[in-house]
PDB file of N, CA and C in Angstrom:
ATOM      1  N   UNK A   1     -45.985 -36.734   8.535  1.00  0.00           N
ATOM      2  CA  UNK A   1     -46.861 -35.728   9.113  1.00  0.00           C
ATOM      3  C   UNK A   1     -46.053 -34.620   9.768  1.00  0.00           C
ATOM      4  N   UNK A   2     -45.082 -34.975  10.604  1.00  0.00           N
ATOM      5  CA  UNK A   2     -44.326 -33.948  11.304  1.00  0.00           C
ATOM      6  C   UNK A   2     -43.441 -33.146  10.352  1.00  0.00           C
ATOM      7  N   UNK A   3     -42.967 -33.768   9.267  1.00  0.00           N
ATOM      8  CA  UNK A   3     -42.180 -32.985   8.310  1.00  0.00           C
ATOM      9  C   UNK A   3     -43.079 -31.994   7.579  1.00  0.00           C
ATOM     10  N   UNK A   4     -44.343 -32.354   7.359  1.00  0.00           N
ATOM     11  CA  UNK A   4     -45.291 -31.398   6.767  1.00  0.00           C
ATOM     12  C   UNK A   4     -45.516 -30.230   7.712  1.00  0.00           C
ATOM     13  N   UNK A   5     -45.590 -30.521   8.997  1.00  0.00           N
ATOM     14  CA  UNK A   5     -45.778 -29.455   9.985  1.00  0.00           C
ATOM     15  C   UNK A   5     -44.569 -28.535  10.019  1.00  0.00           C
ATOM     16  N   UNK A   6     -43.378 -29.103  10.079  1.00  0.00           N
ATOM     17  CA  UNK A   6     -42.200 -28.232  10.133  1.00  0.00           C
ATOM     18  C   UNK A   6     -42.088 -27.401   8.860  1.00  0.00           C
ATOM     19  N   UNK A   7     -42.494 -27.945   7.733  1.00  0.00           N
ATOM     20  CA  UNK A   7     -42.505 -27.168   6.488  1.00  0.00           C
ATOM     21  C   UNK A   7     -43.478 -26.006   6.558  1.00  0.00           C
ATOM     22  N   UNK A   8     -44.570 -26.204   7.285  1.00  0.00           N
ATOM     23  CA  UNK A   8     -45.587 -25.156   7.417  1.00  0.00           C
ATOM     24  C   UNK A   8     -45.116 -24.007   8.313  1.00  0.00           C
ATOM     25  N   UNK A   9     -43.983 -24.174   8.975  1.00  0.00           N
ATOM     26  CA  UNK A   9     -43.427 -23.062   9.759  1.00  0.00           C
ATOM     27  C   UNK A   9     -42.990 -21.903   8.871  1.00  0.00           C
ATOM     28  N   UNK A  10     -42.930 -22.148   7.574  1.00  0.00           N
ATOM     29  CA  UNK A  10     -42.563 -21.104   6.617  1.00  0.00           C
ATOM     30  C   UNK A  10     -43.775 -20.462   5.959  1.00  0.00           C
ATOM     31  N   UNK A  11     -44.963 -20.816   6.420  1.00  0.00           N
ATOM     32  CA  UNK A  11     -46.184 -20.256   5.835  1.00  0.00           C
ATOM     33  C   UNK A  11     -46.177 -18.737   5.960  1.00  0.00           C
ATOM     34  N   UNK A  12     -46.783 -18.069   4.995  1.00  0.00           N
ATOM     35  CA  UNK A  12     -46.751 -16.605   5.020  1.00  0.00           C
ATOM     36  C   UNK A  12     -47.672 -16.001   6.076  1.00  0.00           C
ATOM     37  N   UNK A  13     -48.632 -16.788   6.560  1.00  0.00           N
ATOM     38  CA  UNK A  13     -49.559 -16.292   7.577  1.00  0.00           C
ATOM     39  C   UNK A  13     -49.059 -16.633   8.971  1.00  0.00           C
ATOM     40  N   UNK A  14     -48.952 -15.625   9.831  1.00  0.00           N
ATOM     41  CA  UNK A  14     -48.429 -15.863  11.175  1.00  0.00           C
ATOM     42  C   UNK A  14     -49.343 -16.772  11.986  1.00  0.00           C
ATOM     43  N   UNK A  15     -50.641 -16.721  11.692  1.00  0.00           N
ATOM     44  CA  UNK A  15     -51.586 -17.567  12.426  1.00  0.00           C
ATOM     45  C   UNK A  15     -51.331 -19.053  12.152  1.00  0.00           C
ATOM     46  N   UNK A  16     -50.957 -19.363  10.927  1.00  0.00           N
ATOM     47  CA  UNK A  16     -50.624 -20.747  10.582  1.00  0.00           C
ATOM     48  C   UNK A  16     -49.359 -21.161  11.318  1.00  0.00           C
ATOM     49  N   UNK A  17     -48.359 -20.289  11.302  1.00  0.00           N
ATOM     50  CA  UNK A  17     -47.108 -20.604  12.009  1.00  0.00           C
ATOM     51  C   UNK A  17     -47.372 -20.813  13.503  1.00  0.00           C
ATOM     52  N   UNK A  18     -48.256 -20.010  14.078  1.00  0.00           N
ATOM     53  CA  UNK A  18     -48.587 -20.141  15.501  1.00  0.00           C
ATOM     54  C   UNK A  18     -49.226 -21.506  15.788  1.00  0.00           C
ATOM     55  N   UNK A  19     -50.167 -21.913  14.962  1.00  0.00           N
ATOM     56  CA  UNK A  19     -50.832 -23.213  15.147  1.00  0.00           C
ATOM     57  C   UNK A  19     -49.849 -24.360  14.943  1.00  0.00           C
ATOM     58  N   UNK A  20     -48.922 -24.200  14.021  1.00  0.00           N
ATOM     59  CA  UNK A  20     -47.921 -25.248  13.794  1.00  0.00           C
ATOM     60  C   UNK A  20     -47.022 -25.387  15.024  1.00  0.00           C
ATOM     61  N   UNK A  21     -46.606 -24.262  15.593  1.00  0.00           N
ATOM     62  CA  UNK A  21     -45.789 -24.314  16.814  1.00  0.00           C
ATOM     63  C   UNK A  21     -46.546 -25.020  17.934  1.00  0.00           C
ATOM     64  N   UNK A  22     -47.826 -24.700  18.089  1.00  0.00           N
ATOM     65  CA  UNK A  22     -48.647 -25.366  19.105  1.00  0.00           C
ATOM     66  C   UNK A  22     -48.698 -26.871  18.856  1.00  0.00           C
ATOM     67  N   UNK A  23     -48.910 -27.242  17.614  1.00  0.00           N
ATOM     68  CA  UNK A  23     -49.025 -28.664  17.270  1.00  0.00           C
ATOM     69  C   UNK A  23     -47.725 -29.416  17.505  1.00  0.00           C
ATOM     70  N   UNK A  24     -46.610 -28.816  17.122  1.00  0.00           N
ATOM     71  CA  UNK A  24     -45.322 -29.482  17.341  1.00  0.00           C
ATOM     72  C   UNK A  24     -45.053 -29.679  18.822  1.00  0.00           C
ATOM     73  N   UNK A  25     -45.460 -28.725  19.639  1.00  0.00           N
ATOM     74  CA  UNK A  25     -45.311 -28.871  21.077  1.00  0.00           C
ATOM     75  C   UNK A  25     -46.178 -29.990  21.617  1.00  0.00           C
ATOM     76  N   UNK A  26     -47.427 -30.035  21.174  1.00  0.00           N
ATOM     77  CA  UNK A  26     -48.333 -31.084  21.633  1.00  0.00           C
ATOM     78  C   UNK A  26     -47.855 -32.473  21.217  1.00  0.00           C
ATOM     79  N   UNK A  27     -47.253 -32.544  20.038  1.00  0.00           N
ATOM     80  CA  UNK A  27     -46.724 -33.820  19.558  1.00  0.00           C
ATOM     81  C   UNK A  27     -45.394 -34.188  20.227  1.00  0.00           C
ATOM     82  N   UNK A  28     -44.795 -33.187  20.893  1.00  0.00           N
ATOM     83  CA  UNK A  28     -43.484 -33.367  21.540  1.00  0.00           C
ATOM     84  C   UNK A  28     -42.452 -33.900  20.545  1.00  0.00           C
ATOM     85  N   UNK A  29     -42.447 -33.290  19.377  1.00  0.00           N
ATOM     86  CA  UNK A  29     -41.574 -33.721  18.283  1.00  0.00           C
ATOM     87  C   UNK A  29     -40.180 -33.126  18.443  1.00  0.00           C
ATOM     88  N   UNK A  30     -39.261 -33.930  18.975  1.00  0.00           N
ATOM     89  CA  UNK A  30     -37.895 -33.464  19.253  1.00  0.00           C
ATOM     90  C   UNK A  30     -37.154 -33.045  17.989  1.00  0.00           C
ATOM     91  N   UNK A  31     -37.508 -33.644  16.871  1.00  0.00           N
ATOM     92  CA  UNK A  31     -36.856 -33.309  15.612  1.00  0.00           C
ATOM     93  C   UNK A  31     -37.134 -31.896  15.140  1.00  0.00           C
ATOM     94  N   UNK A  32     -38.100 -31.226  15.759  1.00  0.00           N
ATOM     95  CA  UNK A  32     -38.463 -29.874  15.345  1.00  0.00           C
ATOM     96  C   UNK A  32     -37.772 -28.794  16.169  1.00  0.00           C
ATOM     97  N   UNK A  33     -37.007 -29.167  17.180  1.00  0.00           N
ATOM     98  CA  UNK A  33     -36.393 -28.171  18.072  1.00  0.00           C
ATOM     99  C   UNK A  33     -35.587 -27.143  17.283  1.00  0.00           C
ATOM    100  N   UNK A  34     -34.774 -27.603  16.358  1.00  0.00           N
ATOM    101  CA  UNK A  34     -33.955 -26.687  15.561  1.00  0.00           C
ATOM    102  C   UNK A  34     -34.770 -25.733  14.712  1.00  0.00           C
ATOM    103  N   UNK A  35     -35.935 -26.169  14.270  1.00  0.00           N
ATOM    104  CA  UNK A  35     -36.814 -25.312  13.467  1.00  0.00           C
ATOM    105  C   UNK A  35     -37.620 -24.352  14.329  1.00  0.00           C
ATOM    106  N   UNK A  36     -37.827 -24.709  15.591  1.00  0.00           N
ATOM    107  CA  UNK A  36     -38.619 -23.871  16.498  1.00  0.00           C
ATOM    108  C   UNK A  36     -37.784 -22.746  17.094  1.00  0.00           C
ATOM    109  N   UNK A  37     -36.545 -23.028  17.430  1.00  0.00           N
ATOM    110  CA  UNK A  37     -35.683 -22.048  18.111  1.00  0.00           C
ATOM    111  C   UNK A  37     -35.649 -20.681  17.434  1.00  0.00           C
ATOM    112  N   UNK A  38     -35.549 -20.574  16.114  1.00  0.00           N
ATOM    113  CA  UNK A  38     -35.520 -19.238  15.497  1.00  0.00           C
ATOM    114  C   UNK A  38     -36.754 -18.388  15.806  1.00  0.00           C
ATOM    115  N   UNK A  39     -37.868 -19.020  16.126  1.00  0.00           N
ATOM    116  CA  UNK A  39     -39.087 -18.269  16.440  1.00  0.00           C
ATOM    117  C   UNK A  39     -38.996 -17.558  17.790  1.00  0.00           C
ATOM    118  N   UNK A  40     -38.009 -17.899  18.595  1.00  0.00           N
ATOM    119  CA  UNK A  40     -37.791 -17.172  19.851  1.00  0.00           C
ATOM    120  C   UNK A  40     -37.353 -15.738  19.583  1.00  0.00           C
ATOM    121  N   UNK A  41     -36.929 -15.456  18.353  1.00  0.00           N
ATOM    122  CA  UNK A  41     -36.501 -14.111  17.956  1.00  0.00           C
ATOM    123  C   UNK A  41     -37.504 -13.420  17.036  1.00  0.00           C
ATOM    124  N   UNK A  42     -38.670 -14.014  16.855  1.00  0.00           N
ATOM    125  CA  UNK A  42     -39.657 -13.443  15.943  1.00  0.00           C
ATOM    126  C   UNK A  42     -40.090 -12.060  16.421  1.00  0.00           C
ATOM    127  N   UNK A  43     -40.504 -11.225  15.497  1.00  0.00           N
ATOM    128  CA  UNK A  43     -40.960  -9.875  15.861  1.00  0.00           C
ATOM    129  C   UNK A  43     -42.291  -9.900  16.608  1.00  0.00           C
ATOM    130  N   UNK A  44     -43.075 -10.953  16.407  1.00  0.00           N
ATOM    131  CA  UNK A  44     -44.380 -11.057  17.075  1.00  0.00           C
ATOM    132  C   UNK A  44     -44.244 -11.773  18.420  1.00  0.00           C
ATOM    133  N   UNK A  45     -44.619 -11.112  19.503  1.00  0.00           N
ATOM    134  CA  UNK A  45     -44.532 -11.758  20.815  1.00  0.00           C
ATOM    135  C   UNK A  45     -45.326 -13.054  20.906  1.00  0.00           C
ATOM    136  N   UNK A  46     -46.459 -13.125  20.211  1.00  0.00           N
ATOM    137  CA  UNK A  46     -47.269 -14.345  20.273  1.00  0.00           C
ATOM    138  C   UNK A  46     -46.523 -15.547  19.697  1.00  0.00           C
ATOM    139  N   UNK A  47     -45.719 -15.325  18.665  1.00  0.00           N
ATOM    140  CA  UNK A  47     -44.933 -16.420  18.098  1.00  0.00           C
ATOM    141  C   UNK A  47     -43.747 -16.773  18.993  1.00  0.00           C
ATOM    142  N   UNK A  48     -43.139 -15.763  19.622  1.00  0.00           N
ATOM    143  CA  UNK A  48     -42.048 -16.048  20.568  1.00  0.00           C
ATOM    144  C   UNK A  48     -42.571 -16.873  21.741  1.00  0.00           C
ATOM    145  N   UNK A  49     -43.738 -16.481  22.241  1.00  0.00           N
ATOM    146  CA  UNK A  49     -44.351 -17.195  23.363  1.00  0.00           C
ATOM    147  C   UNK A  49     -44.698 -18.627  22.963  1.00  0.00           C
ATOM    148  N   UNK A  50     -45.281 -18.792  21.792  1.00  0.00           N
ATOM    149  CA  UNK A  50     -45.677 -20.130  21.334  1.00  0.00           C
ATOM    150  C   UNK A  50     -44.450 -21.009  21.098  1.00  0.00           C
ATOM    151  N   UNK A  51     -43.368 -20.419  20.613  1.00  0.00           N
ATOM    152  CA  UNK A  51     -42.129 -21.183  20.420  1.00  0.00           C
ATOM    153  C   UNK A  51     -41.589 -21.649  21.767  1.00  0.00           C
ATOM    154  N   UNK A  52     -41.587 -20.779  22.748  1.00  0.00           N
ATOM    155  CA  UNK A  52     -41.123 -21.154  24.089  1.00  0.00           C
ATOM    156  C   UNK A  52     -42.006 -22.242  24.677  1.00  0.00           C
ATOM    157  N   UNK A  53     -43.311 -22.126  24.483  1.00  0.00           N
ATOM    158  CA  UNK A  53     -44.235 -23.136  24.993  1.00  0.00           C
ATOM    159  C   UNK A  53     -43.991 -24.489  24.326  1.00  0.00           C
ATOM    160  N   UNK A  54     -43.783 -24.474  23.023  1.00  0.00           N
ATOM    161  CA  UNK A  54     -43.516 -25.723  22.303  1.00  0.00           C
ATOM    162  C   UNK A  54     -42.225 -26.359  22.795  1.00  0.00           C
ATOM    163  N   UNK A  55     -41.206 -25.550  22.998  1.00  0.00           N
ATOM    164  CA  UNK A  55     -39.934 -26.080  23.493  1.00  0.00           C
ATOM    165  C   UNK A  55     -40.086 -26.626  24.906  1.00  0.00           C
ATOM    166  N   UNK A  56     -40.929 -26.021  25.706  1.00  0.00           N
ATOM    167  CA  UNK A  56     -41.194 -26.537  27.040  1.00  0.00           C
ATOM    168  C   UNK A  56     -41.929 -27.864  26.998  1.00  0.00           C
ATOM    169  N   UNK A  57     -42.873 -27.984  26.086  1.00  0.00           N
ATOM    170  CA  UNK A  57     -43.594 -29.250  25.927  1.00  0.00           C
ATOM    171  C   UNK A  57     -42.650 -30.363  25.472  1.00  0.00           C
ATOM    172  N   UNK A  58     -41.773 -30.029  24.560  1.00  0.00           N
ATOM    173  CA  UNK A  58     -40.823 -31.022  24.041  1.00  0.00           C
ATOM    174  C   UNK A  58     -39.772 -31.343  25.105  1.00  0.00           C
ATOM    175  N   UNK A  59     -39.370 -30.330  25.861  1.00  0.00           N
ATOM    176  CA  UNK A  59     -38.428 -30.474  26.985  1.00  0.00           C
ATOM    177  C   UNK A  59     -37.101 -31.106  26.579  1.00  0.00           C
ATOM    178  N   UNK A  60     -36.601 -30.733  25.426  1.00  0.00           N
ATOM    179  CA  UNK A  60     -35.303 -31.233  24.967  1.00  0.00           C
ATOM    180  C   UNK A  60     -34.210 -30.325  25.511  1.00  0.00           C
ATOM    181  N   UNK A  61     -33.238 -30.874  26.218  1.00  0.00           N
ATOM    182  CA  UNK A  61     -32.149 -30.049  26.766  1.00  0.00           C
ATOM    183  C   UNK A  61     -31.393 -29.243  25.711  1.00  0.00           C
ATOM    184  N   UNK A  62     -31.482 -29.642  24.465  1.00  0.00           N
ATOM    185  CA  UNK A  62     -30.808 -28.903  23.391  1.00  0.00           C
ATOM    186  C   UNK A  62     -31.359 -27.483  23.237  1.00  0.00           C
ATOM    187  N   UNK A  63     -32.557 -27.241  23.743  1.00  0.00           N
ATOM    188  CA  UNK A  63     -33.183 -25.916  23.629  1.00  0.00           C
ATOM    189  C   UNK A  63     -32.848 -25.012  24.807  1.00  0.00           C
ATOM    190  N   UNK A  64     -32.208 -25.540  25.821  1.00  0.00           N
ATOM    191  CA  UNK A  64     -31.965 -24.788  27.053  1.00  0.00           C
ATOM    192  C   UNK A  64     -31.231 -23.471  26.819  1.00  0.00           C
ATOM    193  N   UNK A  65     -30.107 -23.504  26.132  1.00  0.00           N
ATOM    194  CA  UNK A  65     -29.312 -22.282  25.934  1.00  0.00           C
ATOM    195  C   UNK A  65     -30.091 -21.212  25.170  1.00  0.00           C
ATOM    196  N   UNK A  66     -30.850 -21.634  24.169  1.00  0.00           N
ATOM    197  CA  UNK A  66     -31.652 -20.673  23.399  1.00  0.00           C
ATOM    198  C   UNK A  66     -32.714 -20.029  24.280  1.00  0.00           C
ATOM    199  N   UNK A  67     -33.308 -20.814  25.159  1.00  0.00           N
ATOM    200  CA  UNK A  67     -34.320 -20.277  26.064  1.00  0.00           C
ATOM    201  C   UNK A  67     -33.699 -19.340  27.098  1.00  0.00           C
ATOM    202  N   UNK A  68     -32.565 -19.725  27.659  1.00  0.00           N
ATOM    203  CA  UNK A  68     -31.882 -18.873  28.643  1.00  0.00           C
ATOM    204  C   UNK A  68     -31.567 -17.510  28.025  1.00  0.00           C
ATOM    205  N   UNK A  69     -31.171 -17.507  26.768  1.00  0.00           N
ATOM    206  CA  UNK A  69     -30.834 -16.258  26.081  1.00  0.00           C
ATOM    207  C   UNK A  69     -32.048 -15.347  25.923  1.00  0.00           C
ATOM    208  N   UNK A  70     -33.265 -15.914  26.037  1.00  0.00           N
ATOM    209  CA  UNK A  70     -34.489 -15.112  25.864  1.00  0.00           C
ATOM    210  C   UNK A  70     -35.180 -14.822  27.193  1.00  0.00           C
ATOM    211  N   UNK A  71     -34.516 -15.102  28.291  1.00  0.00           N
ATOM    212  CA  UNK A  71     -35.121 -14.920  29.612  1.00  0.00           C
ATOM    213  C   UNK A  71     -35.444 -13.456  29.921  1.00  0.00           C
ATOM    214  N   UNK A  72     -34.884 -12.530  29.179  1.00  0.00           N
ATOM    215  CA  UNK A  72     -35.141 -11.093  29.396  1.00  0.00           C
ATOM    216  C   UNK A  72     -35.918 -10.470  28.244  1.00  0.00           C
ATOM    217  N   UNK A  73     -36.783 -11.241  27.653  1.00  0.00           N
ATOM    218  CA  UNK A  73     -37.608 -10.750  26.548  1.00  0.00           C
ATOM    219  C   UNK A  73     -38.390  -9.518  27.001  1.00  0.00           C
ATOM    220  N   UNK A  74     -38.679  -8.637  26.071  1.00  0.00           N
ATOM    221  CA  UNK A  74     -39.441  -7.422  26.371  1.00  0.00           C
ATOM    222  C   UNK A  74     -40.874  -7.717  26.810  1.00  0.00           C
ATOM    223  N   UNK A  75     -41.420  -8.816  26.351  1.00  0.00           N
ATOM    224  CA  UNK A  75     -42.815  -9.141  26.638  1.00  0.00           C
ATOM    225  C   UNK A  75     -42.910 -10.020  27.898  1.00  0.00           C
ATOM    226  N   UNK A  76     -43.720  -9.606  28.879  1.00  0.00           N
ATOM    227  CA  UNK A  76     -43.813 -10.378  30.124  1.00  0.00           C
ATOM    228  C   UNK A  76     -44.389 -11.787  29.932  1.00  0.00           C
ATOM    229  N   UNK A  77     -45.305 -11.960  28.981  1.00  0.00           N
ATOM    230  CA  UNK A  77     -45.851 -13.291  28.725  1.00  0.00           C
ATOM    231  C   UNK A  77     -44.789 -14.226  28.137  1.00  0.00           C
ATOM    232  N   UNK A  78     -43.945 -13.675  27.300  1.00  0.00           N
ATOM    233  CA  UNK A  78     -42.854 -14.477  26.729  1.00  0.00           C
ATOM    234  C   UNK A  78     -41.886 -14.872  27.838  1.00  0.00           C
ATOM    235  N   UNK A  79     -41.521 -13.919  28.697  1.00  0.00           N
ATOM    236  CA  UNK A  79     -40.613 -14.233  29.816  1.00  0.00           C
ATOM    237  C   UNK A  79     -41.186 -15.327  30.703  1.00  0.00           C
ATOM    238  N   UNK A  80     -42.467 -15.230  31.005  1.00  0.00           N
ATOM    239  CA  UNK A  80     -43.122 -16.229  31.850  1.00  0.00           C
ATOM    240  C   UNK A  80     -43.090 -17.611  31.190  1.00  0.00           C
ATOM    241  N   UNK A  81     -43.356 -17.652  29.903  1.00  0.00           N
ATOM    242  CA  UNK A  81     -43.363 -18.929  29.182  1.00  0.00           C
ATOM    243  C   UNK A  81     -41.959 -19.497  29.055  1.00  0.00           C
ATOM    244  N   UNK A  82     -40.974 -18.637  28.847  1.00  0.00           N
ATOM    245  CA  UNK A  82     -39.576 -19.095  28.803  1.00  0.00           C
ATOM    246  C   UNK A  82     -39.191 -19.707  30.143  1.00  0.00           C
ATOM    247  N   UNK A  83     -39.575 -19.058  31.223  1.00  0.00           N
ATOM    248  CA  UNK A  83     -39.281 -19.579  32.555  1.00  0.00           C
ATOM    249  C   UNK A  83     -39.929 -20.947  32.759  1.00  0.00           C
ATOM    250  N   UNK A  84     -41.181 -21.070  32.357  1.00  0.00           N
ATOM    251  CA  UNK A  84     -41.889 -22.347  32.463  1.00  0.00           C
ATOM    252  C   UNK A  84     -41.185 -23.422  31.634  1.00  0.00           C
ATOM    253  N   UNK A  85     -40.782 -23.075  30.413  1.00  0.00           N
ATOM    254  CA  UNK A  85     -40.117 -24.032  29.517  1.00  0.00           C
ATOM    255  C   UNK A  85     -38.799 -24.517  30.141  1.00  0.00           C
ATOM    256  N   UNK A  86     -38.062 -23.602  30.745  1.00  0.00           N
ATOM    257  CA  UNK A  86     -36.808 -23.995  31.390  1.00  0.00           C
ATOM    258  C   UNK A  86     -37.073 -24.936  32.569  1.00  0.00           C
ATOM    259  N   UNK A  87     -38.158 -24.709  33.275  1.00  0.00           N
ATOM    260  CA  UNK A  87     -38.529 -25.620  34.377  1.00  0.00           C
ATOM    261  C   UNK A  87     -38.872 -27.000  33.850  1.00  0.00           C
ATOM    262  N   UNK A  88     -39.528 -27.055  32.713  1.00  0.00           N
ATOM    263  CA  UNK A  88     -39.886 -28.344  32.104  1.00  0.00           C
ATOM    264  C   UNK A  88     -38.636 -29.121  31.708  1.00  0.00           C
ATOM    265  N   UNK A  89     -37.671 -28.407  31.171  1.00  0.00           N
ATOM    266  CA  UNK A  89     -36.423 -29.070  30.766  1.00  0.00           C
ATOM    267  C   UNK A  89     -35.678 -29.562  31.996  1.00  0.00           C
ATOM    268  N   UNK A  90     -35.631 -28.750  33.050  1.00  0.00           N
ATOM    269  CA  UNK A  90     -34.937 -29.136  34.278  1.00  0.00           C
ATOM    270  C   UNK A  90     -35.607 -30.348  34.929  1.00  0.00           C
ATOM    271  N   UNK A  91     -36.922 -30.429  34.835  1.00  0.00           N
ATOM    272  CA  UNK A  91     -37.657 -31.531  35.462  1.00  0.00           C
ATOM    273  C   UNK A  91     -37.492 -32.851  34.710  1.00  0.00           C
ATOM    274  N   UNK A  92     -37.085 -32.762  33.489  1.00  0.00           N
ATOM    275  CA  UNK A  92     -36.953 -33.957  32.650  1.00  0.00           C
ATOM    276  C   UNK A  92     -35.777 -34.743  33.034  1.00  0.00           C
TER     277      UNK A  92
END
């Protein structure tokens, strides 16, 4: 199931990718961290925010450096979510 979800991160529709990021976060699937991190650089702020949220839900320390690098995102919602995700990792 989770490999099907990570495969769906390549879907051509951004809405599908957004829902997949949400689902991977809810499942707390640590194996998806490497597939989620590239979305922190997506052109769409909603996908960057959802990637940060998923990484916060998963709370894997392996995502910390990638999140720190995005702490100055142009979008305030993304910055807020990155900050929250870093707090989740620190609390773990």
